[in-house]
Amino acid sequence: MKAVITVTGKDTTGIIAKVSTKCSELGGNIVDISQSVMREYFAMMMLVEIDNLTMSFSEFVDEMNRLGDESGLDIHTMHEDIFNTMHKI
């Protein structure tokens, strides 16, 4: 199973490191990543393998939200199945 994680906010040093470290600590494995900086704004989208999480998916979402709150970032974590269903034509 996979999750789609989006991260947006003011660009600062270490955003990718913070988010990827937290994912790894919680048992997630980043399988694809795209990031962009537009002037002072940062945007990133990650596809994360979640089969080996050390907690439930809802707890993982809460932990990623907490990281966003602590870092001044907007972090959204969505199960791949939900993401795919939302974007079907």
Protein backbone atom coordinates (compact mmCIF):
# COMPACT_ATOMS: atom_id res chain seq x y z
CA MET A 1 0.00 0.00 0.00
CA LYS A 2 1.05 3.56 -0.60
CA ALA A 3 0.22 7.05 0.59
CA VAL A 4 0.46 10.38 -1.20
CA ILE A 5 1.97 13.14 0.92
CA THR A 6 1.92 16.79 -0.14
CA VAL A 7 3.94 19.48 1.59
CA THR A 8 3.60 23.22 0.98
CA GLY A 9 4.88 26.29 2.77
CA LYS A 10 7.51 28.98 2.87
CA ASP A 11 10.83 27.63 1.65
CA THR A 12 13.39 27.01 4.38
CA THR A 13 16.48 24.86 4.62
CA GLY A 14 15.87 21.23 5.55
CA ILE A 15 12.20 20.66 4.63
CA ILE A 16 12.91 17.55 2.58
CA ALA A 17 15.21 16.23 5.31
CA LYS A 18 12.59 16.78 8.04
CA VAL A 19 9.76 15.11 6.15
CA SER A 20 11.80 12.19 4.82
CA THR A 21 13.37 11.55 8.23
CA LYS A 22 9.92 11.48 9.90
CA CYS A 23 8.60 9.09 7.24
CA SER A 24 11.56 6.77 7.77
CA GLU A 25 11.28 6.87 11.57
CA LEU A 26 7.62 5.81 11.29
CA GLY A 27 8.36 2.95 8.87
CA GLY A 28 7.46 4.67 5.59
CA ASN A 29 9.62 4.31 2.50
CA ILE A 30 9.66 7.08 -0.12
CA VAL A 31 9.38 5.53 -3.58
CA ASP A 32 8.95 8.74 -5.61
CA ILE A 33 9.37 12.42 -4.86
CA SER A 34 8.94 15.68 -6.71
CA GLN A 35 9.63 19.11 -5.30
CA SER A 36 9.64 22.65 -6.57
CA VAL A 37 10.51 26.07 -5.25
CA MET A 38 8.71 29.07 -6.72
CA ARG A 39 10.28 32.24 -5.38
CA GLU A 40 9.94 31.79 -1.60
CA TYR A 41 7.32 29.01 -1.74
CA PHE A 42 8.05 25.31 -1.45
CA ALA A 43 5.89 22.47 -2.81
CA MET A 44 6.58 18.73 -2.64
CA MET A 45 4.66 15.58 -3.48
CA MET A 46 5.81 12.15 -2.32
CA LEU A 47 4.61 8.61 -2.91
CA VAL A 48 5.36 6.60 0.22
CA GLU A 49 5.21 2.84 0.73
CA ILE A 50 3.32 2.29 4.02
CA ASP A 51 3.30 -1.52 4.41
CA ASN A 52 5.89 -1.39 7.22
CA LEU A 53 4.52 1.47 9.33
CA THR A 54 5.24 1.16 13.05
CA MET A 55 1.70 2.42 13.81
CA SER A 56 -1.76 2.59 12.27
CA PHE A 57 -2.25 4.70 9.15
CA SER A 58 -4.38 7.23 11.06
CA GLU A 59 -1.58 7.63 13.63
CA PHE A 60 0.89 8.12 10.76
CA VAL A 61 -1.35 10.87 9.37
CA ASP A 62 -1.51 12.51 12.81
CA GLU A 63 2.29 12.39 13.17
CA MET A 64 2.80 13.97 9.75
CA ASN A 65 0.24 16.68 10.63
CA ARG A 66 2.08 17.32 13.89
CA LEU A 67 5.35 17.74 11.98
CA GLY A 68 3.65 20.23 9.68
CA ASP A 69 2.29 22.22 12.62
CA GLU A 70 5.70 22.28 14.32
CA SER A 71 7.47 23.30 11.10
CA GLY A 72 5.01 25.88 9.77
CA LEU A 73 4.16 23.63 6.81
CA ASP A 74 0.92 22.33 5.36
CA ILE A 75 1.34 18.54 5.20
CA HIS A 76 -1.48 16.36 3.84
CA THR A 77 -1.27 12.57 3.90
CA MET A 78 -3.78 10.56 1.91
CA HIS A 79 -4.04 6.83 1.29
CA GLU A 80 -3.33 6.06 -2.38
CA ASP A 81 -6.73 4.37 -2.81
CA ILE A 82 -8.55 7.53 -1.71
CA PHE A 83 -6.32 9.70 -3.89
CA ASN A 84 -6.97 7.52 -6.94
CA THR A 85 -10.73 7.44 -6.31
CA MET A 86 -10.86 11.23 -6.00
CA HIS A 87 -9.09 11.68 -9.32
CA LYS A 88 -10.98 9.19 -11.48
CA ILE A 89 -12.74 10.67 -14.45
